[in-house]
């Protein structure tokens, strides 16, 4: 599907439902599995914009009006490993249809949703933290502390992430061997699964550099589980044309560094006419 757009949680939360519905009616938009999960497991129920039932209802309304649900990471990995080829589409047609016909169940087992997500994310979180720890130790061992601090000061985040991505690409075979040894087997290494690992490892290298820069004040990877959710959105640019995201701390810079030929939009208002599937752009 040409001109496919990925919706990040920042734009999802920051855009009124009615405005999003009008946009989706004239654009091909995928709601990644991470967005669906983060809506369901939101735990700040006292705030209207963070209430899980309200968020899930908003998401369902978008799907009912033409948005597509994205495949879960488990589904993507299983398909790629069985096909031994890049997945044909990140869109889950079956799940999208089920959501369009669904009546929201107020008794959704949120603990089960959290457990399924943790099962996929935990090995990645553990590996990335281990990678960052070892990378930091090597910086110290090779007496490159000052060199890396200079790099942090002289290069912006996008530039650094480009370098870390290149490091991961050069070390790809060794990294895959290490991941296999850790119990997370990768059978097909050129598809989405590698892209996800590649992005996460680049972020882990950035965390090692931040640790080197900040020293004892480093926060010990406390935000890493949430970072992996954010990286999942970026990974979809392996097959999409654009990403709707307002996050200049991770999502935007990583997307620009990893996919320089893709479009990143901070708002639905920034999306050009060529992405529209209708004869006229729908406005308020």
Foldseek 3Di string as FASTA:
>chain_A
DAQEEEEDVAQLLVDDLVQLLLQQLWFAYEDEPLQLLCLQQQDPCVDQSRNSVNSNVSVLSSLLSHYFYFDDPVVQQVVCLVVLDADPDRGDPVVSVCSNVDDDDPPPPSVVSVVVLCVVLVLLLVVLLVLLVVLLVVCVVVVVLVVLLVVPVPDDPLVQLLVLLVVCVVCVVVVQVVSVVSPNHRNRCPYLVVLLSSLSNSVSNVLSSVCSNPPPVRPSCPCVSVLSSLSSSLSNVVPHQEYADDDPPRNVSSNCSVPVRHYYHPHSVPDDPVRTNDPDRDDD
